[in-house]
Amino acid sequence: MTNMMLVDSASATTPIPDWTGLPVSTTARADGLPGALLDAAVDAAIWSRATPASVVQWLNEIGPEAWPNGRFVLDPADIPACLKQLFATAGIRSAPALTWLANDAAYLAQLIQHLVGSANVRLRLEPVFDNACSKFHIDNVVARLICTHSGPGTELTLEDSHVIQTVPTGAPVLLKGKRWPGADVPSLRHRSPPIAGTGIARLVLVIEGCDAEDINPGYDQIYRANSALDRT
């Protein structure tokens, strides 16, 4: 039995944010994310959806302390096998919810790969219990997708603004980074919500393009299908 607080994205009543005044676009379809981000006036695109209730329940039953943590560089097609192996290594048996989670991540990764034209993607699945990335910032990448499957979502704001909006739990947000092509630096900042000391846990999926020169040997694991995880 876990002593961490859990937020059920399917059953919690989460108000829809008012994105007025922020360079944010919303879409009802996943494949609308890349196109929305190509608009020069848009710094973030959000797919308005929630993680299925069955997946949320499965994650709650596992408990935050048992959620696995992994960071891999791989082909999007290999993500389902990679995540299933990651959960199996953590002693968590496969389930329909895991299949959904893995296939969803693979599809989102394909969208990112095609958008930025990278050879592979970097995928990070991370339980968060503290104030990770607590300062509002812009990532040093071309674009990054963040989806919080459990717990409060990513917070968005503009520089020198006191207005903070939260991406709904389960809704993927695709953000322009500092390396986004063009003369204008994105104006939208984001951060992980401050949760230290609250007892709340988050499970966050992060995906971005990754070429050979972007691999960090100290952190990234190269995943090859049908093989063990190899550290560079």
C-alpha atoms as a PDB file:
ATOM      1  CA  MET A   1       0.000   0.000   0.000  1.00  0.00           C
ATOM      2  CA  THR A   2       1.416   3.356  -1.028  1.00  0.00           C
ATOM      3  CA  ASN A   3       1.499   6.410   1.214  1.00  0.00           C
ATOM      4  CA  MET A   4       1.906   8.801  -1.715  1.00  0.00           C
ATOM      5  CA  MET A   5      -1.010  10.901  -2.896  1.00  0.00           C
ATOM      6  CA  LEU A   6      -2.288  10.064  -6.367  1.00  0.00           C
ATOM      7  CA  VAL A   7      -4.262  12.201  -8.793  1.00  0.00           C
ATOM      8  CA  ASP A   8      -6.693  10.291 -11.008  1.00  0.00           C
ATOM      9  CA  SER A   9      -6.761  12.143 -14.336  1.00  0.00           C
ATOM     10  CA  ALA A  10      -9.903  10.340 -15.437  1.00  0.00           C
ATOM     11  CA  SER A  11     -12.058  10.986 -12.383  1.00  0.00           C
ATOM     12  CA  ALA A  12     -10.649  14.250 -10.991  1.00  0.00           C
ATOM     13  CA  THR A  13     -12.569  17.355 -12.000  1.00  0.00           C
ATOM     14  CA  THR A  14      -9.887  19.415 -13.700  1.00  0.00           C
ATOM     15  CA  PRO A  15     -10.982  22.794 -15.109  1.00  0.00           C
ATOM     16  CA  ILE A  16     -10.008  23.427 -18.717  1.00  0.00           C
ATOM     17  CA  PRO A  17      -7.291  26.127 -18.710  1.00  0.00           C
ATOM     18  CA  ASP A  18      -7.923  29.436 -20.397  1.00  0.00           C
ATOM     19  CA  TRP A  19      -5.001  29.831 -22.771  1.00  0.00           C
ATOM     20  CA  THR A  20      -5.916  33.418 -23.688  1.00  0.00           C
ATOM     21  CA  GLY A  21      -2.779  35.534 -23.863  1.00  0.00           C
ATOM     22  CA  LEU A  22      -0.428  32.557 -24.113  1.00  0.00           C
ATOM     23  CA  PRO A  23       1.114  31.305 -27.395  1.00  0.00           C
ATOM     24  CA  VAL A  24      -0.644  27.957 -26.967  1.00  0.00           C
ATOM     25  CA  SER A  25      -2.689  25.981 -29.466  1.00  0.00           C
ATOM     26  CA  THR A  26      -4.935  23.015 -28.674  1.00  0.00           C
ATOM     27  CA  THR A  27      -5.894  20.114 -30.910  1.00  0.00           C
ATOM     28  CA  ALA A  28      -8.375  17.278 -30.612  1.00  0.00           C
ATOM     29  CA  ARG A  29      -6.043  14.890 -32.450  1.00  0.00           C
ATOM     30  CA  ALA A  30      -2.486  13.751 -31.786  1.00  0.00           C
ATOM     31  CA  ASP A  31      -1.471  14.258 -35.391  1.00  0.00           C
ATOM     32  CA  GLY A  32      -2.461  17.905 -35.056  1.00  0.00           C
ATOM     33  CA  LEU A  33       0.421  18.606 -32.666  1.00  0.00           C
ATOM     34  CA  PRO A  34       3.259  19.005 -35.208  1.00  0.00           C
ATOM     35  CA  GLY A  35       1.237  21.185 -37.562  1.00  0.00           C
ATOM     36  CA  ALA A  36       0.125  23.457 -34.747  1.00  0.00           C
ATOM     37  CA  LEU A  37       3.731  24.009 -33.667  1.00  0.00           C
ATOM     38  CA  LEU A  38       4.727  25.125 -37.184  1.00  0.00           C
ATOM     39  CA  ASP A  39       2.698  28.296 -36.628  1.00  0.00           C
ATOM     40  CA  ALA A  40       5.163  31.065 -35.790  1.00  0.00           C
ATOM     41  CA  ALA A  41       2.733  32.469 -33.216  1.00  0.00           C
ATOM     42  CA  VAL A  42       2.562  29.165 -31.312  1.00  0.00           C
ATOM     43  CA  ASP A  43       5.155  28.033 -28.745  1.00  0.00           C
ATOM     44  CA  ALA A  44       3.246  25.014 -27.423  1.00  0.00           C
ATOM     45  CA  ALA A  45       0.629  22.645 -28.813  1.00  0.00           C
ATOM     46  CA  ILE A  46      -1.563  20.568 -26.505  1.00  0.00           C
ATOM     47  CA  TRP A  47      -3.545  17.454 -27.377  1.00  0.00           C
ATOM     48  CA  SER A  48      -6.742  17.786 -25.361  1.00  0.00           C
ATOM     49  CA  ARG A  49      -7.213  14.295 -23.994  1.00  0.00           C
ATOM     50  CA  ALA A  50      -6.912  12.360 -20.723  1.00  0.00           C
ATOM     51  CA  THR A  51      -5.106   9.144 -19.892  1.00  0.00           C
ATOM     52  CA  PRO A  52      -7.703   6.316 -19.953  1.00  0.00           C
ATOM     53  CA  ALA A  53      -9.218   5.521 -16.558  1.00  0.00           C
ATOM     54  CA  SER A  54      -8.055   1.896 -16.812  1.00  0.00           C
ATOM     55  CA  VAL A  55      -4.444   3.041 -17.212  1.00  0.00           C
ATOM     56  CA  VAL A  56      -4.722   5.472 -14.296  1.00  0.00           C
ATOM     57  CA  GLN A  57      -6.168   2.718 -12.110  1.00  0.00           C
ATOM     58  CA  TRP A  58      -3.351   0.350 -13.102  1.00  0.00           C
ATOM     59  CA  LEU A  59      -0.698   2.948 -12.233  1.00  0.00           C
ATOM     60  CA  ASN A  60      -2.399   3.641  -8.908  1.00  0.00           C
ATOM     61  CA  GLU A  61      -2.459  -0.074  -8.078  1.00  0.00           C
ATOM     62  CA  ILE A  62       1.273  -0.357  -8.789  1.00  0.00           C
ATOM     63  CA  GLY A  63       2.008   2.660  -6.587  1.00  0.00           C
ATOM     64  CA  PRO A  64       4.517   5.502  -7.154  1.00  0.00           C
ATOM     65  CA  GLU A  65       7.332   3.816  -5.226  1.00  0.00           C
ATOM     66  CA  ALA A  66       7.284   0.963  -7.752  1.00  0.00           C
ATOM     67  CA  TRP A  67       6.987   3.017 -10.936  1.00  0.00           C
ATOM     68  CA  PRO A  68      10.083   2.357 -13.066  1.00  0.00           C
ATOM     69  CA  ASN A  69      12.536   5.039 -14.152  1.00  0.00           C
ATOM     70  CA  GLY A  70      14.336   4.933 -17.488  1.00  0.00           C
ATOM     71  CA  ARG A  71      16.020   7.118 -20.095  1.00  0.00           C
ATOM     72  CA  PHE A  72      16.656   5.641 -23.537  1.00  0.00           C
ATOM     73  CA  VAL A  73      17.749   6.590 -27.039  1.00  0.00           C
ATOM     74  CA  LEU A  74      15.988   4.424 -29.583  1.00  0.00           C
ATOM     75  CA  ASP A  75      13.870   4.116 -32.691  1.00  0.00           C
ATOM     76  CA  PRO A  76      10.190   4.902 -31.998  1.00  0.00           C
ATOM     77  CA  ALA A  77       9.246   1.460 -33.330  1.00  0.00           C
ATOM     78  CA  ASP A  78      11.211  -0.126 -30.465  1.00  0.00           C
ATOM     79  CA  ILE A  79       9.463   1.817 -27.694  1.00  0.00           C
ATOM     80  CA  PRO A  80       6.755  -0.786 -26.923  1.00  0.00           C
ATOM     81  CA  ALA A  81       9.359  -3.523 -26.395  1.00  0.00           C
ATOM     82  CA  CYS A  82      11.599  -1.154 -24.408  1.00  0.00           C
ATOM     83  CA  LEU A  83       8.892  -0.025 -21.994  1.00  0.00           C
ATOM     84  CA  LYS A  84       7.574  -3.542 -21.481  1.00  0.00           C
ATOM     85  CA  GLN A  85      11.122  -4.665 -20.663  1.00  0.00           C
ATOM     86  CA  LEU A  86      11.558  -1.705 -18.305  1.00  0.00           C
ATOM     87  CA  PHE A  87       8.410  -2.619 -16.362  1.00  0.00           C
ATOM     88  CA  ALA A  88       9.326  -6.315 -16.371  1.00  0.00           C
ATOM     89  CA  THR A  89      12.754  -5.489 -14.916  1.00  0.00           C
ATOM     90  CA  ALA A  90      10.947  -3.617 -12.140  1.00  0.00           C
ATOM     91  CA  GLY A  91       8.922  -6.754 -11.401  1.00  0.00           C
ATOM     92  CA  ILE A  92       5.711  -5.464 -12.998  1.00  0.00           C
ATOM     93  CA  ARG A  93       3.894  -7.908 -15.236  1.00  0.00           C
ATOM     94  CA  SER A  94       2.525  -6.884 -18.616  1.00  0.00           C
ATOM     95  CA  ALA A  95      -1.075  -5.738 -18.770  1.00  0.00           C
ATOM     96  CA  PRO A  96      -3.427  -4.135 -21.309  1.00  0.00           C
ATOM     97  CA  ALA A  97      -2.745  -0.779 -19.628  1.00  0.00           C
ATOM     98  CA  LEU A  98       0.981  -1.171 -20.213  1.00  0.00           C
ATOM     99  CA  THR A  99       0.347  -2.018 -23.862  1.00  0.00           C
ATOM    100  CA  TRP A 100      -1.677   1.183 -24.213  1.00  0.00           C
ATOM    101  CA  LEU A 101       0.992   3.242 -22.463  1.00  0.00           C
ATOM    102  CA  ALA A 102       3.769   1.789 -24.636  1.00  0.00           C
ATOM    103  CA  ASN A 103       1.908   2.115 -27.939  1.00  0.00           C
ATOM    104  CA  ASP A 104       0.833   5.665 -27.111  1.00  0.00           C
ATOM    105  CA  ALA A 105       4.448   6.652 -26.381  1.00  0.00           C
ATOM    106  CA  ALA A 106       5.605   5.051 -29.644  1.00  0.00           C
ATOM    107  CA  TYR A 107       3.044   6.976 -31.672  1.00  0.00           C
ATOM    108  CA  LEU A 108       3.904  10.286 -30.022  1.00  0.00           C
ATOM    109  CA  ALA A 109       7.599   9.585 -30.600  1.00  0.00           C
ATOM    110  CA  GLN A 110       6.977   9.013 -34.310  1.00  0.00           C
ATOM    111  CA  LEU A 111       5.315  12.423 -34.527  1.00  0.00           C
ATOM    112  CA  ILE A 112       8.326  14.057 -32.844  1.00  0.00           C
ATOM    113  CA  GLN A 113      10.854  12.207 -35.014  1.00  0.00           C
ATOM    114  CA  HIS A 114       9.113  13.267 -38.217  1.00  0.00           C
ATOM    115  CA  LEU A 115       8.754  16.861 -37.018  1.00  0.00           C
ATOM    116  CA  VAL A 116      12.427  17.406 -36.135  1.00  0.00           C
ATOM    117  CA  GLY A 117      13.949  14.929 -38.608  1.00  0.00           C
ATOM    118  CA  SER A 118      16.098  13.146 -36.029  1.00  0.00           C
ATOM    119  CA  ALA A 119      17.674   9.715 -36.432  1.00  0.00           C
ATOM    120  CA  ASN A 120      16.212   8.516 -33.115  1.00  0.00           C
ATOM    121  CA  VAL A 121      14.351   9.861 -30.117  1.00  0.00           C
ATOM    122  CA  ARG A 122      15.201  10.197 -26.456  1.00  0.00           C
ATOM    123  CA  LEU A 123      12.470   8.818 -24.208  1.00  0.00           C
ATOM    124  CA  ARG A 124      12.348   9.385 -20.480  1.00  0.00           C
ATOM    125  CA  LEU A 125       9.806   7.837 -18.121  1.00  0.00           C
ATOM    126  CA  GLU A 126      10.301   9.287 -14.668  1.00  0.00           C
ATOM    127  CA  PRO A 127       8.510   9.222 -11.317  1.00  0.00           C
ATOM    128  CA  VAL A 128       8.804  12.666  -9.694  1.00  0.00           C
ATOM    129  CA  PHE A 129       8.442  13.270  -5.960  1.00  0.00           C
ATOM    130  CA  ASP A 130      10.074  16.684  -5.536  1.00  0.00           C
ATOM    131  CA  ASN A 131      10.498  20.076  -7.231  1.00  0.00           C
ATOM    132  CA  ALA A 132      12.375  18.838 -10.297  1.00  0.00           C
ATOM    133  CA  CYS A 133      12.994  21.652 -12.816  1.00  0.00           C
ATOM    134  CA  SER A 134      11.281  24.097 -10.492  1.00  0.00           C
ATOM    135  CA  LYS A 135      12.368  27.220 -12.415  1.00  0.00           C
ATOM    136  CA  PHE A 136      10.482  28.336 -15.496  1.00  0.00           C
ATOM    137  CA  HIS A 137      12.708  27.717 -18.504  1.00  0.00           C
ATOM    138  CA  ILE A 138      13.022  26.857 -22.209  1.00  0.00           C
ATOM    139  CA  ASP A 139      14.675  23.529 -23.050  1.00  0.00           C
ATOM    140  CA  ASN A 140      17.881  23.423 -25.118  1.00  0.00           C
ATOM    141  CA  VAL A 141      16.296  21.171 -27.749  1.00  0.00           C
ATOM    142  CA  VAL A 142      14.413  21.652 -31.019  1.00  0.00           C
ATOM    143  CA  ALA A 143      11.144  20.488 -29.486  1.00  0.00           C
ATOM    144  CA  ARG A 144      10.119  18.410 -26.482  1.00  0.00           C
ATOM    145  CA  LEU A 145       6.908  16.560 -25.679  1.00  0.00           C
ATOM    146  CA  ILE A 146       5.816  16.139 -22.073  1.00  0.00           C
ATOM    147  CA  CYS A 147       2.881  14.053 -20.888  1.00  0.00           C
ATOM    148  CA  THR A 148       2.083  13.672 -17.202  1.00  0.00           C
ATOM    149  CA  HIS A 149       0.164  10.419 -16.774  1.00  0.00           C
ATOM    150  CA  SER A 150      -0.325  10.788 -13.011  1.00  0.00           C
ATOM    151  CA  GLY A 151      -0.185  13.846 -10.800  1.00  0.00           C
ATOM    152  CA  PRO A 152      -0.365  17.545 -11.717  1.00  0.00           C
ATOM    153  CA  GLY A 153       0.761  18.514 -15.205  1.00  0.00           C
ATOM    154  CA  THR A 154       3.405  20.889 -16.515  1.00  0.00           C
ATOM    155  CA  GLU A 155       3.014  24.576 -15.686  1.00  0.00           C
ATOM    156  CA  LEU A 156       3.224  27.264 -18.388  1.00  0.00           C
ATOM    157  CA  THR A 157       3.803  31.006 -18.225  1.00  0.00           C
ATOM    158  CA  LEU A 158       5.401  33.953 -20.008  1.00  0.00           C
ATOM    159  CA  GLU A 159       8.521  35.729 -18.787  1.00  0.00           C
ATOM    160  CA  ASP A 160       7.746  38.330 -16.112  1.00  0.00           C
ATOM    161  CA  SER A 161       4.144  37.114 -15.900  1.00  0.00           C
ATOM    162  CA  HIS A 162       2.333  36.158 -12.714  1.00  0.00           C
ATOM    163  CA  VAL A 163      -0.252  34.111 -14.607  1.00  0.00           C
ATOM    164  CA  ILE A 164       0.492  30.367 -14.499  1.00  0.00           C
ATOM    165  CA  GLN A 165      -1.571  27.749 -16.308  1.00  0.00           C
ATOM    166  CA  THR A 166      -1.336  23.991 -15.833  1.00  0.00           C
ATOM    167  CA  VAL A 167      -1.491  21.443 -18.630  1.00  0.00           C
ATOM    168  CA  PRO A 168      -4.207  18.893 -17.726  1.00  0.00           C
ATOM    169  CA  THR A 169      -3.038  15.485 -16.544  1.00  0.00           C
ATOM    170  CA  GLY A 170      -2.849  13.045 -19.451  1.00  0.00           C
ATOM    171  CA  ALA A 171      -2.680  15.775 -22.118  1.00  0.00           C
ATOM    172  CA  PRO A 172       0.578  15.729 -24.140  1.00  0.00           C
ATOM    173  CA  VAL A 173       2.135  19.163 -24.616  1.00  0.00           C
ATOM    174  CA  LEU A 174       4.642  19.753 -27.432  1.00  0.00           C
ATOM    175  CA  LEU A 175       6.957  22.690 -26.706  1.00  0.00           C
ATOM    176  CA  LYS A 176       9.346  24.625 -28.904  1.00  0.00           C
ATOM    177  CA  GLY A 177      12.907  24.679 -27.552  1.00  0.00           C
ATOM    178  CA  LYS A 178      15.840  27.066 -27.877  1.00  0.00           C
ATOM    179  CA  ARG A 179      17.027  25.205 -30.984  1.00  0.00           C
ATOM    180  CA  TRP A 180      13.748  25.592 -32.845  1.00  0.00           C
ATOM    181  CA  PRO A 181      14.667  26.962 -36.315  1.00  0.00           C
ATOM    182  CA  GLY A 182      13.952  30.633 -36.822  1.00  0.00           C
ATOM    183  CA  ALA A 183      15.050  34.006 -35.592  1.00  0.00           C
ATOM    184  CA  ASP A 184      12.603  34.299 -32.712  1.00  0.00           C
ATOM    185  CA  VAL A 185      13.272  32.595 -29.383  1.00  0.00           C
ATOM    186  CA  PRO A 186      10.095  31.047 -27.911  1.00  0.00           C
ATOM    187  CA  SER A 187       8.502  33.266 -25.285  1.00  0.00           C
ATOM    188  CA  LEU A 188       6.676  30.508 -23.391  1.00  0.00           C
ATOM    189  CA  ARG A 189       8.350  29.061 -20.298  1.00  0.00           C
ATOM    190  CA  HIS A 190       7.485  25.849 -18.486  1.00  0.00           C
ATOM    191  CA  ARG A 191       8.359  23.997 -15.281  1.00  0.00           C
ATOM    192  CA  SER A 192       7.453  20.972 -13.226  1.00  0.00           C
ATOM    193  CA  PRO A 193       4.872  21.926 -10.582  1.00  0.00           C
ATOM    194  CA  PRO A 194       6.372  22.318  -7.092  1.00  0.00           C
ATOM    195  CA  ILE A 195       5.258  19.258  -5.114  1.00  0.00           C
ATOM    196  CA  ALA A 196       8.027  18.778  -2.531  1.00  0.00           C
ATOM    197  CA  GLY A 197       6.577  18.113   0.898  1.00  0.00           C
ATOM    198  CA  THR A 198       3.036  17.614  -0.384  1.00  0.00           C
ATOM    199  CA  GLY A 199       3.164  13.802  -0.651  1.00  0.00           C
ATOM    200  CA  ILE A 200       2.034  14.027  -4.277  1.00  0.00           C
ATOM    201  CA  ALA A 201       3.770  11.887  -6.908  1.00  0.00           C
ATOM    202  CA  ARG A 202       3.926  12.397 -10.677  1.00  0.00           C
ATOM    203  CA  LEU A 203       4.682   9.984 -13.533  1.00  0.00           C
ATOM    204  CA  VAL A 204       6.073  11.960 -16.456  1.00  0.00           C
ATOM    205  CA  LEU A 205       6.813  10.872 -20.024  1.00  0.00           C
ATOM    206  CA  VAL A 206       9.275  13.070 -21.961  1.00  0.00           C
ATOM    207  CA  ILE A 207      10.174  12.618 -25.651  1.00  0.00           C
ATOM    208  CA  GLU A 208      12.492  14.601 -27.935  1.00  0.00           C
ATOM    209  CA  GLY A 209      14.537  14.051 -31.077  1.00  0.00           C
ATOM    210  CA  CYS A 210      18.056  12.692 -30.598  1.00  0.00           C
ATOM    211  CA  ASP A 211      20.876  12.418 -33.107  1.00  0.00           C
ATOM    212  CA  ALA A 212      24.244  10.765 -32.465  1.00  0.00           C
ATOM    213  CA  GLU A 213      25.876  14.011 -31.351  1.00  0.00           C
ATOM    214  CA  ASP A 214      23.124  14.604 -28.787  1.00  0.00           C
ATOM    215  CA  ILE A 215      23.652  11.322 -26.902  1.00  0.00           C
ATOM    216  CA  ASN A 216      24.883  11.811 -23.338  1.00  0.00           C
ATOM    217  CA  PRO A 217      27.014   8.751 -22.432  1.00  0.00           C
ATOM    218  CA  GLY A 218      26.580   9.409 -18.718  1.00  0.00           C
ATOM    219  CA  TYR A 219      22.786   9.253 -18.785  1.00  0.00           C
ATOM    220  CA  ASP A 220      21.407   7.824 -22.026  1.00  0.00           C
ATOM    221  CA  GLN A 221      20.941   4.127 -22.564  1.00  0.00           C
ATOM    222  CA  ILE A 222      20.862   2.864 -26.134  1.00  0.00           C
ATOM    223  CA  TYR A 223      18.025   0.419 -26.626  1.00  0.00           C
ATOM    224  CA  ARG A 224      18.289  -2.124 -29.392  1.00  0.00           C
ATOM    225  CA  ALA A 225      15.315  -4.348 -30.113  1.00  0.00           C
ATOM    226  CA  ASN A 226      15.693  -7.970 -29.011  1.00  0.00           C
ATOM    227  CA  SER A 227      18.781  -7.193 -26.941  1.00  0.00           C
ATOM    228  CA  ALA A 228      19.679  -6.043 -23.455  1.00  0.00           C
ATOM    229  CA  LEU A 229      19.921  -2.365 -22.634  1.00  0.00           C
ATOM    230  CA  ASP A 230      23.410  -1.107 -23.513  1.00  0.00           C
ATOM    231  CA  ARG A 231      25.001   1.915 -21.900  1.00  0.00           C
ATOM    232  CA  THR A 232      27.050   4.004 -24.282  1.00  0.00           C
END
